[in-house]
Amino acid sequence: MTVDQDVEELLIVGDSDLIIRQAQGEWGTRDIKLIPYKQHVEDLSKQFKSVEFRYIPRFHNDLVDALATLASMLPYPSNVHIDPLEIQIRERHGYCKAVEIEPDVHPWYHYIKRFLKTKEYPKQVSGDQKRTIRRLASSFILSGEVLYKRTLDLNLLRCVDAQEARRIMNEVHT
């Protein structure tokens, strides 16, 4: 597709260090079945002014997955120029300052935290609700009294309720 679009410079991103290093010519290819593929990559690379191969570790490939999904959804119109996609990566997190407080109400994570702490369910819950609490609790970690949500890339997000969020925001701004 890039050859047909008269692309001159190409950046190829992959999550296999072996494949990227083989494509760059840093490492050889011993498997007899892969040698024709490597030769094909070399032949195709000659059709561009510059080709760069970049390795991104698997645990950082959310962007690669998103771009691959987007690319697979696009029909390929042979007579249309496709502008490059610009992506900005922010170095700082964004925070929401508008927090509504609901008095005398448990925080949204109350039952998950209670389950992790005591392995007990709230009274009058059905089997489906118990299963839901167990499923939700599997992606949370309780450290002392602080509850964290584990993300897909193994980061931990601290769970806060509205009152705690307001307290934290006030500490940050003072």
N, C-alpha and C. Protein backbone atom coordinates (compact mmCIF):
# COMPACT_ATOMS: atom_id res chain seq x y z
N MET A 1 0.84 -1.19 0.00
CA MET A 1 0.00 0.00 0.00
C MET A 1 0.88 1.25 0.00
N THR A 2 1.94 1.26 0.80
CA THR A 2 2.81 2.44 0.85
C THR A 2 3.56 2.65 -0.47
N VAL A 3 3.91 1.57 -1.13
CA VAL A 3 4.57 1.68 -2.44
C VAL A 3 3.61 2.32 -3.43
N ASP A 4 2.35 1.87 -3.43
CA ASP A 4 1.34 2.41 -4.34
C ASP A 4 1.04 3.87 -4.06
N GLN A 5 1.22 4.30 -2.81
CA GLN A 5 0.94 5.68 -2.42
C GLN A 5 2.14 6.61 -2.64
N ASP A 6 3.22 6.08 -3.21
CA ASP A 6 4.44 6.85 -3.46
C ASP A 6 5.03 7.43 -2.17
N VAL A 7 4.96 6.68 -1.10
CA VAL A 7 5.56 7.09 0.17
C VAL A 7 7.07 7.03 -0.01
N GLU A 8 7.76 8.06 0.50
CA GLU A 8 9.21 8.09 0.36
C GLU A 8 9.94 7.67 1.62
N GLU A 9 9.37 8.03 2.77
CA GLU A 9 9.99 7.70 4.05
C GLU A 9 9.02 6.84 4.85
N LEU A 10 9.53 5.75 5.43
CA LEU A 10 8.65 4.80 6.09
C LEU A 10 9.22 4.45 7.47
N LEU A 11 8.35 4.50 8.47
CA LEU A 11 8.70 4.07 9.83
C LEU A 11 7.90 2.81 10.11
N ILE A 12 8.60 1.72 10.41
CA ILE A 12 7.94 0.45 10.71
C ILE A 12 8.18 0.15 12.18
N VAL A 13 7.09 0.00 12.93
CA VAL A 13 7.16 -0.23 14.37
C VAL A 13 6.72 -1.66 14.64
N GLY A 14 7.49 -2.38 15.45
CA GLY A 14 7.14 -3.75 15.79
C GLY A 14 7.47 -4.07 17.23
N ASP A 15 6.83 -5.12 17.76
CA ASP A 15 7.07 -5.50 19.15
C ASP A 15 7.90 -6.78 19.27
N SER A 16 8.54 -7.19 18.18
CA SER A 16 9.44 -8.33 18.22
C SER A 16 10.86 -7.83 17.96
N ASP A 17 11.66 -7.82 19.02
CA ASP A 17 13.04 -7.36 18.90
C ASP A 17 13.80 -8.19 17.86
N LEU A 18 13.56 -9.49 17.85
CA LEU A 18 14.22 -10.38 16.89
C LEU A 18 13.91 -9.96 15.46
N ILE A 19 12.63 -9.80 15.13
CA ILE A 19 12.23 -9.45 13.76
C ILE A 19 12.78 -8.08 13.36
N ILE A 20 12.70 -7.11 14.27
CA ILE A 20 13.20 -5.76 13.95
C ILE A 20 14.70 -5.81 13.68
N ARG A 21 15.46 -6.51 14.53
CA ARG A 21 16.91 -6.59 14.33
C ARG A 21 17.27 -7.35 13.04
N GLN A 22 16.47 -8.37 12.72
CA GLN A 22 16.71 -9.09 11.46
C GLN A 22 16.42 -8.19 10.27
N ALA A 23 15.32 -7.42 10.34
CA ALA A 23 14.96 -6.52 9.24
C ALA A 23 16.00 -5.42 9.06
N GLN A 24 16.61 -4.98 10.15
CA GLN A 24 17.64 -3.95 10.08
C GLN A 24 18.98 -4.51 9.59
N GLY A 25 19.09 -5.82 9.54
CA GLY A 25 20.33 -6.45 9.12
C GLY A 25 21.33 -6.63 10.24
N GLU A 26 20.92 -6.30 11.49
CA GLU A 26 21.81 -6.47 12.64
C GLU A 26 22.01 -7.96 12.96
N TRP A 27 20.96 -8.73 12.79
CA TRP A 27 21.02 -10.16 13.07
C TRP A 27 20.65 -10.92 11.80
N GLY A 28 21.18 -12.12 11.68
CA GLY A 28 20.88 -12.95 10.52
C GLY A 28 19.61 -13.77 10.74
N THR A 29 19.18 -14.44 9.67
CA THR A 29 18.01 -15.30 9.73
C THR A 29 18.47 -16.71 9.40
N ARG A 30 18.32 -17.62 10.35
CA ARG A 30 18.77 -19.00 10.12
C ARG A 30 17.67 -19.90 9.58
N ASP A 31 16.44 -19.61 9.99
CA ASP A 31 15.32 -20.46 9.58
C ASP A 31 15.12 -20.35 8.06
N ILE A 32 15.25 -21.45 7.38
CA ILE A 32 15.18 -21.48 5.91
C ILE A 32 13.83 -20.96 5.40
N LYS A 33 12.78 -21.15 6.20
CA LYS A 33 11.44 -20.68 5.78
C LYS A 33 11.32 -19.17 5.85
N LEU A 34 12.15 -18.50 6.68
CA LEU A 34 12.04 -17.06 6.84
C LEU A 34 12.93 -16.26 5.89
N ILE A 35 13.90 -16.91 5.30
CA ILE A 35 14.84 -16.21 4.42
C ILE A 35 14.13 -15.52 3.25
N PRO A 36 13.15 -16.16 2.58
CA PRO A 36 12.45 -15.43 1.50
C PRO A 36 11.71 -14.18 1.99
N TYR A 37 11.17 -14.23 3.21
CA TYR A 37 10.49 -13.05 3.75
C TYR A 37 11.47 -11.93 4.00
N LYS A 38 12.64 -12.26 4.56
CA LYS A 38 13.67 -11.26 4.81
C LYS A 38 14.12 -10.64 3.49
N GLN A 39 14.30 -11.45 2.46
CA GLN A 39 14.70 -10.94 1.14
C GLN A 39 13.62 -10.02 0.58
N HIS A 40 12.36 -10.38 0.78
CA HIS A 40 11.25 -9.56 0.30
C HIS A 40 11.26 -8.20 0.99
N VAL A 41 11.51 -8.18 2.30
CA VAL A 41 11.59 -6.92 3.05
C VAL A 41 12.73 -6.07 2.50
N GLU A 42 13.87 -6.69 2.25
CA GLU A 42 15.01 -5.95 1.70
C GLU A 42 14.68 -5.37 0.32
N ASP A 43 14.01 -6.15 -0.52
CA ASP A 43 13.64 -5.68 -1.86
C ASP A 43 12.66 -4.52 -1.77
N LEU A 44 11.66 -4.65 -0.89
CA LEU A 44 10.69 -3.57 -0.73
C LEU A 44 11.34 -2.32 -0.17
N SER A 45 12.29 -2.48 0.75
CA SER A 45 12.95 -1.33 1.37
C SER A 45 13.68 -0.47 0.36
N LYS A 46 14.15 -1.08 -0.70
CA LYS A 46 14.89 -0.34 -1.75
C LYS A 46 13.99 0.63 -2.51
N GLN A 47 12.67 0.46 -2.38
CA GLN A 47 11.74 1.33 -3.10
C GLN A 47 11.44 2.63 -2.35
N PHE A 48 12.07 2.83 -1.20
CA PHE A 48 11.83 4.02 -0.39
C PHE A 48 13.13 4.81 -0.24
N LYS A 49 12.98 6.11 -0.05
CA LYS A 49 14.14 6.96 0.19
C LYS A 49 14.78 6.57 1.53
N SER A 50 13.94 6.34 2.53
CA SER A 50 14.46 5.88 3.83
C SER A 50 13.42 4.99 4.51
N VAL A 51 13.93 3.96 5.19
CA VAL A 51 13.08 3.04 5.95
C VAL A 51 13.72 2.90 7.32
N GLU A 52 12.91 3.10 8.35
CA GLU A 52 13.40 2.95 9.73
C GLU A 52 12.55 1.89 10.42
N PHE A 53 13.22 0.96 11.09
CA PHE A 53 12.54 -0.06 11.88
C PHE A 53 12.73 0.31 13.34
N ARG A 54 11.64 0.32 14.09
CA ARG A 54 11.74 0.70 15.50
C ARG A 54 11.05 -0.37 16.36
N TYR A 55 11.76 -0.79 17.38
CA TYR A 55 11.25 -1.80 18.32
C TYR A 55 10.56 -1.11 19.49
N ILE A 56 9.35 -1.56 19.81
CA ILE A 56 8.64 -1.09 20.99
C ILE A 56 8.28 -2.33 21.80
N PRO A 57 8.72 -2.41 23.07
CA PRO A 57 8.40 -3.60 23.88
C PRO A 57 6.91 -3.87 23.94
N ARG A 58 6.55 -5.14 24.05
CA ARG A 58 5.15 -5.56 24.02
C ARG A 58 4.29 -4.82 25.04
N PHE A 59 4.82 -4.52 26.22
CA PHE A 59 3.99 -3.87 27.23
C PHE A 59 3.78 -2.39 26.93
N HIS A 60 4.42 -1.85 25.89
CA HIS A 60 4.20 -0.46 25.48
C HIS A 60 3.49 -0.38 24.14
N ASN A 61 2.86 -1.44 23.69
CA ASN A 61 2.35 -1.45 22.32
C ASN A 61 0.87 -1.09 22.21
N ASP A 62 0.29 -0.40 23.19
CA ASP A 62 -1.10 0.04 23.08
C ASP A 62 -1.29 0.92 21.85
N LEU A 63 -0.33 1.81 21.62
CA LEU A 63 -0.40 2.69 20.46
C LEU A 63 -0.33 1.89 19.17
N VAL A 64 0.56 0.92 19.12
CA VAL A 64 0.71 0.08 17.92
C VAL A 64 -0.59 -0.68 17.67
N ASP A 65 -1.18 -1.26 18.72
CA ASP A 65 -2.44 -1.99 18.57
C ASP A 65 -3.55 -1.07 18.06
N ALA A 66 -3.62 0.14 18.61
CA ALA A 66 -4.66 1.08 18.19
C ALA A 66 -4.48 1.47 16.72
N LEU A 67 -3.25 1.74 16.32
CA LEU A 67 -3.00 2.10 14.92
C LEU A 67 -3.29 0.94 13.98
N ALA A 68 -2.94 -0.27 14.39
CA ALA A 68 -3.22 -1.44 13.55
C ALA A 68 -4.72 -1.64 13.40
N THR A 69 -5.46 -1.44 14.48
CA THR A 69 -6.92 -1.57 14.42
C THR A 69 -7.50 -0.51 13.48
N LEU A 70 -7.04 0.74 13.63
CA LEU A 70 -7.51 1.79 12.74
C LEU A 70 -7.19 1.48 11.28
N ALA A 71 -5.98 1.03 11.02
CA ALA A 71 -5.57 0.73 9.65
C ALA A 71 -6.41 -0.39 9.05
N SER A 72 -6.77 -1.37 9.86
CA SER A 72 -7.55 -2.49 9.33
C SER A 72 -8.98 -2.08 9.00
N MET A 73 -9.46 -0.98 9.58
CA MET A 73 -10.83 -0.52 9.33
C MET A 73 -10.93 0.35 8.09
N LEU A 74 -9.80 0.90 7.64
CA LEU A 74 -9.83 1.82 6.51
C LEU A 74 -9.87 1.06 5.19
N PRO A 75 -10.81 1.41 4.33
CA PRO A 75 -10.74 0.83 2.99
C PRO A 75 -9.57 1.48 2.26
N TYR A 76 -8.96 0.76 1.36
CA TYR A 76 -7.80 1.29 0.65
C TYR A 76 -8.24 1.87 -0.69
N PRO A 77 -8.44 3.19 -0.75
CA PRO A 77 -8.77 3.81 -2.04
C PRO A 77 -7.47 4.10 -2.81
N SER A 78 -7.32 3.51 -3.96
CA SER A 78 -6.05 3.60 -4.69
C SER A 78 -5.75 4.99 -5.22
N ASN A 79 -6.76 5.85 -5.35
CA ASN A 79 -6.51 7.16 -5.93
C ASN A 79 -6.57 8.30 -4.91
N VAL A 80 -6.56 7.99 -3.64
CA VAL A 80 -6.69 9.01 -2.60
C VAL A 80 -5.41 9.08 -1.77
N HIS A 81 -4.93 10.30 -1.51
CA HIS A 81 -3.76 10.50 -0.67
C HIS A 81 -4.19 10.47 0.80
N ILE A 82 -3.49 9.70 1.61
CA ILE A 82 -3.81 9.61 3.04
C ILE A 82 -2.76 10.40 3.80
N ASP A 83 -3.19 11.45 4.50
CA ASP A 83 -2.27 12.27 5.29
C ASP A 83 -1.76 11.47 6.48
N PRO A 84 -0.52 11.76 6.92
CA PRO A 84 0.00 11.05 8.09
C PRO A 84 -0.80 11.41 9.34
N LEU A 85 -0.85 10.49 10.25
CA LEU A 85 -1.56 10.66 11.50
C LEU A 85 -0.59 11.21 12.53
N GLU A 86 -0.92 12.37 13.11
CA GLU A 86 -0.06 12.96 14.13
C GLU A 86 -0.60 12.60 15.50
N ILE A 87 0.28 12.12 16.36
CA ILE A 87 -0.10 11.72 17.71
C ILE A 87 0.79 12.44 18.69
N GLN A 88 0.18 13.10 19.66
CA GLN A 88 0.95 13.79 20.69
C GLN A 88 0.89 12.98 21.98
N ILE A 89 2.04 12.81 22.60
CA ILE A 89 2.09 12.11 23.87
C ILE A 89 2.37 13.16 24.94
N ARG A 90 1.47 13.28 25.87
CA ARG A 90 1.60 14.27 26.93
C ARG A 90 2.52 13.74 28.03
N GLU A 91 3.35 14.62 28.55
CA GLU A 91 4.26 14.24 29.63
C GLU A 91 3.60 14.36 31.00
N ARG A 92 2.54 15.16 31.09
CA ARG A 92 1.88 15.36 32.39
C ARG A 92 0.44 14.86 32.31
N HIS A 93 -0.08 14.43 33.44
CA HIS A 93 -1.44 13.94 33.51
C HIS A 93 -2.42 15.11 33.59
N GLY A 94 -3.63 14.88 33.13
CA GLY A 94 -4.68 15.87 33.28
C GLY A 94 -5.55 15.51 34.47
N TYR A 95 -6.04 16.50 35.15
CA TYR A 95 -6.87 16.26 36.33
C TYR A 95 -8.18 17.01 36.20
N CYS A 96 -9.21 16.44 36.73
CA CYS A 96 -10.52 17.08 36.75
C CYS A 96 -10.69 17.75 38.10
N LYS A 97 -11.12 19.02 38.09
CA LYS A 97 -11.27 19.74 39.35
C LYS A 97 -12.70 19.74 39.86
N ALA A 98 -13.66 19.43 39.01
CA ALA A 98 -15.06 19.46 39.42
C ALA A 98 -15.42 18.13 40.08
N VAL A 99 -15.64 18.16 41.39
CA VAL A 99 -15.96 16.95 42.13
C VAL A 99 -17.20 17.21 42.97
N GLU A 100 -18.22 16.40 42.79
CA GLU A 100 -19.42 16.53 43.60
C GLU A 100 -19.34 15.54 44.75
N ILE A 101 -19.73 15.99 45.93
CA ILE A 101 -19.67 15.14 47.12
C ILE A 101 -21.08 14.66 47.45
N GLU A 102 -21.22 13.36 47.64
CA GLU A 102 -22.48 12.78 48.07
C GLU A 102 -22.33 12.42 49.54
N PRO A 103 -22.98 13.16 50.44
CA PRO A 103 -22.78 12.93 51.88
C PRO A 103 -23.34 11.58 52.33
N ASP A 104 -22.64 10.99 53.29
CA ASP A 104 -23.07 9.75 53.94
C ASP A 104 -23.31 8.60 52.96
N VAL A 105 -22.56 8.53 51.91
CA VAL A 105 -22.68 7.45 50.94
C VAL A 105 -21.30 6.78 50.84
N HIS A 106 -21.31 5.46 50.75
CA HIS A 106 -20.06 4.74 50.59
C HIS A 106 -19.40 5.14 49.27
N PRO A 107 -18.07 5.12 49.22
CA PRO A 107 -17.40 5.39 47.94
C PRO A 107 -17.73 4.28 46.95
N TRP A 108 -17.54 4.56 45.68
CA TRP A 108 -17.90 3.64 44.62
C TRP A 108 -17.21 2.28 44.75
N TYR A 109 -16.05 2.25 45.38
CA TYR A 109 -15.27 1.02 45.48
C TYR A 109 -15.46 0.30 46.82
N HIS A 110 -16.41 0.71 47.62
CA HIS A 110 -16.59 0.20 48.98
C HIS A 110 -16.69 -1.34 49.03
N TYR A 111 -17.56 -1.93 48.20
CA TYR A 111 -17.77 -3.38 48.27
C TYR A 111 -16.57 -4.16 47.75
N ILE A 112 -15.87 -3.60 46.77
CA ILE A 112 -14.66 -4.26 46.27
C ILE A 112 -13.60 -4.28 47.36
N LYS A 113 -13.40 -3.14 48.01
CA LYS A 113 -12.40 -3.04 49.08
C LYS A 113 -12.75 -3.96 50.24
N ARG A 114 -14.03 -3.99 50.60
CA ARG A 114 -14.48 -4.85 51.70
C ARG A 114 -14.25 -6.32 51.36
N PHE A 115 -14.55 -6.71 50.13
CA PHE A 115 -14.35 -8.09 49.71
C PHE A 115 -12.87 -8.47 49.78
N LEU A 116 -11.99 -7.60 49.27
CA LEU A 116 -10.56 -7.89 49.31
C LEU A 116 -10.03 -7.98 50.74
N LYS A 117 -10.61 -7.19 51.63
CA LYS A 117 -10.14 -7.16 53.02
C LYS A 117 -10.65 -8.36 53.82
N THR A 118 -11.93 -8.69 53.67
CA THR A 118 -12.55 -9.70 54.54
C THR A 118 -13.07 -10.93 53.82
N LYS A 119 -13.10 -10.90 52.47
CA LYS A 119 -13.70 -11.98 51.65
C LYS A 119 -15.18 -12.17 51.96
N GLU A 120 -15.83 -11.10 52.44
CA GLU A 120 -17.26 -11.15 52.76
C GLU A 120 -18.04 -10.32 51.74
N TYR A 121 -19.28 -10.78 51.48
CA TYR A 121 -20.16 -10.08 50.57
C TYR A 121 -21.15 -9.26 51.38
N PRO A 122 -21.73 -8.22 50.79
CA PRO A 122 -22.79 -7.48 51.47
C PRO A 122 -24.00 -8.39 51.67
N LYS A 123 -24.81 -8.09 52.68
CA LYS A 123 -26.03 -8.87 52.92
C LYS A 123 -27.02 -8.63 51.79
N GLN A 124 -27.86 -9.59 51.53
CA GLN A 124 -28.91 -9.52 50.51
C GLN A 124 -28.39 -9.33 49.08
N VAL A 125 -27.26 -9.94 48.72
CA VAL A 125 -26.82 -9.86 47.33
C VAL A 125 -27.03 -11.22 46.67
N SER A 126 -27.35 -11.19 45.40
CA SER A 126 -27.61 -12.42 44.66
C SER A 126 -26.29 -13.08 44.26
N GLY A 127 -26.41 -14.28 43.72
CA GLY A 127 -25.23 -14.99 43.24
C GLY A 127 -24.55 -14.25 42.10
N ASP A 128 -25.34 -13.63 41.21
CA ASP A 128 -24.77 -12.84 40.12
C ASP A 128 -24.00 -11.64 40.65
N GLN A 129 -24.55 -10.99 41.68
CA GLN A 129 -23.87 -9.83 42.26
C GLN A 129 -22.57 -10.25 42.96
N LYS A 130 -22.57 -11.41 43.60
CA LYS A 130 -21.35 -11.92 44.24
C LYS A 130 -20.28 -12.20 43.17
N ARG A 131 -20.70 -12.81 42.08
CA ARG A 131 -19.78 -13.11 40.99
C ARG A 131 -19.20 -11.82 40.40
N THR A 132 -20.04 -10.78 40.28
CA THR A 132 -19.58 -9.49 39.76
C THR A 132 -18.55 -8.87 40.70
N ILE A 133 -18.80 -8.93 41.99
CA ILE A 133 -17.85 -8.38 42.97
C ILE A 133 -16.52 -9.13 42.88
N ARG A 134 -16.56 -10.45 42.79
CA ARG A 134 -15.32 -11.24 42.67
C ARG A 134 -14.56 -10.88 41.39
N ARG A 135 -15.30 -10.76 40.28
CA ARG A 135 -14.67 -10.43 38.99
C ARG A 135 -14.03 -9.05 39.05
N LEU A 136 -14.75 -8.08 39.59
CA LEU A 136 -14.19 -6.73 39.69
C LEU A 136 -12.98 -6.70 40.62
N ALA A 137 -13.08 -7.41 41.74
CA ALA A 137 -12.00 -7.40 42.73
C ALA A 137 -10.70 -7.99 42.17
N SER A 138 -10.80 -8.84 41.17
CA SER A 138 -9.59 -9.48 40.63
C SER A 138 -8.63 -8.49 39.96
N SER A 139 -9.12 -7.30 39.61
CA SER A 139 -8.21 -6.31 38.99
C SER A 139 -7.86 -5.17 39.93
N PHE A 140 -8.07 -5.39 41.24
CA PHE A 140 -7.72 -4.40 42.24
C PHE A 140 -6.72 -5.00 43.23
N ILE A 141 -5.94 -4.13 43.86
CA ILE A 141 -4.97 -4.54 44.87
C ILE A 141 -5.18 -3.67 46.10
N LEU A 142 -5.25 -4.30 47.26
CA LEU A 142 -5.40 -3.57 48.52
C LEU A 142 -4.06 -3.56 49.23
N SER A 143 -3.55 -2.36 49.48
CA SER A 143 -2.28 -2.20 50.20
C SER A 143 -2.58 -1.41 51.46
N GLY A 144 -2.67 -2.12 52.58
CA GLY A 144 -3.09 -1.45 53.82
C GLY A 144 -4.53 -1.03 53.66
N GLU A 145 -4.78 0.27 53.74
CA GLU A 145 -6.13 0.79 53.56
C GLU A 145 -6.33 1.43 52.19
N VAL A 146 -5.30 1.41 51.35
CA VAL A 146 -5.36 2.07 50.04
C VAL A 146 -5.66 1.04 48.96
N LEU A 147 -6.68 1.33 48.16
CA LEU A 147 -7.08 0.44 47.07
C LEU A 147 -6.52 0.96 45.76
N TYR A 148 -5.93 0.05 44.96
CA TYR A 148 -5.37 0.40 43.66
C TYR A 148 -6.03 -0.43 42.58
N LYS A 149 -6.27 0.18 41.43
CA LYS A 149 -6.76 -0.53 40.24
C LYS A 149 -5.55 -0.84 39.38
N ARG A 150 -5.40 -2.12 39.01
CA ARG A 150 -4.30 -2.55 38.16
C ARG A 150 -4.71 -2.38 36.69
N THR A 151 -3.90 -1.66 35.91
CA THR A 151 -4.21 -1.44 34.50
C THR A 151 -3.60 -2.57 33.67
N LEU A 152 -3.92 -2.60 32.38
CA LEU A 152 -3.41 -3.65 31.51
C LEU A 152 -1.89 -3.63 31.37
N ASP A 153 -1.29 -2.42 31.48
CA ASP A 153 0.17 -2.34 31.38
C ASP A 153 0.82 -2.38 32.77
N LEU A 154 0.09 -2.91 33.75
CA LEU A 154 0.56 -3.20 35.10
C LEU A 154 0.86 -1.96 35.93
N ASN A 155 0.35 -0.79 35.52
CA ASN A 155 0.42 0.38 36.37
C ASN A 155 -0.65 0.27 37.44
N LEU A 156 -0.48 1.00 38.53
CA LEU A 156 -1.48 1.01 39.59
C LEU A 156 -2.09 2.40 39.70
N LEU A 157 -3.41 2.47 39.69
CA LEU A 157 -4.14 3.72 39.84
C LEU A 157 -4.79 3.73 41.21
N ARG A 158 -4.55 4.76 41.99
CA ARG A 158 -5.13 4.84 43.33
C ARG A 158 -6.60 5.18 43.22
N CYS A 159 -7.44 4.44 43.94
CA CYS A 159 -8.88 4.66 43.92
C CYS A 159 -9.23 5.67 45.01
N VAL A 160 -9.96 6.70 44.63
CA VAL A 160 -10.37 7.72 45.59
C VAL A 160 -11.85 8.00 45.42
N ASP A 161 -12.48 8.43 46.52
CA ASP A 161 -13.88 8.85 46.44
C ASP A 161 -13.90 10.37 46.29
N ALA A 162 -15.07 10.96 46.19
CA ALA A 162 -15.19 12.39 45.94
C ALA A 162 -14.55 13.23 47.04
N GLN A 163 -14.76 12.86 48.30
CA GLN A 163 -14.19 13.64 49.40
C GLN A 163 -12.66 13.56 49.40
N GLU A 164 -12.14 12.38 49.16
CA GLU A 164 -10.69 12.21 49.13
C GLU A 164 -10.09 12.95 47.93
N ALA A 165 -10.77 12.92 46.80
CA ALA A 165 -10.28 13.64 45.61
C ALA A 165 -10.21 15.13 45.90
N ARG A 166 -11.21 15.68 46.56
CA ARG A 166 -11.21 17.11 46.89
C ARG A 166 -10.05 17.43 47.83
N ARG A 167 -9.81 16.55 48.83
CA ARG A 167 -8.72 16.77 49.79
C ARG A 167 -7.38 16.75 49.05
N ILE A 168 -7.19 15.79 48.16
CA ILE A 168 -5.95 15.70 47.40
C ILE A 168 -5.76 16.92 46.52
N MET A 169 -6.81 17.35 45.84
CA MET A 169 -6.72 18.54 44.98
C MET A 169 -6.35 19.77 45.79
N ASN A 170 -6.93 19.91 46.98
CA ASN A 170 -6.59 21.05 47.83
C ASN A 170 -5.14 21.01 48.26
N GLU A 171 -4.61 19.80 48.56
CA GLU A 171 -3.20 19.69 48.95
C GLU A 171 -2.29 20.04 47.78
N VAL A 172 -2.67 19.64 46.58
CA VAL A 172 -1.84 19.91 45.40
C VAL A 172 -1.78 21.41 45.13
N HIS A 173 -2.88 22.11 45.33
CA HIS A 173 -2.95 23.54 44.99
C HIS A 173 -2.50 24.44 46.11
N THR A 174 -2.12 23.90 47.29
CA THR A 174 -1.65 24.76 48.37
C THR A 174 -0.16 24.63 48.57
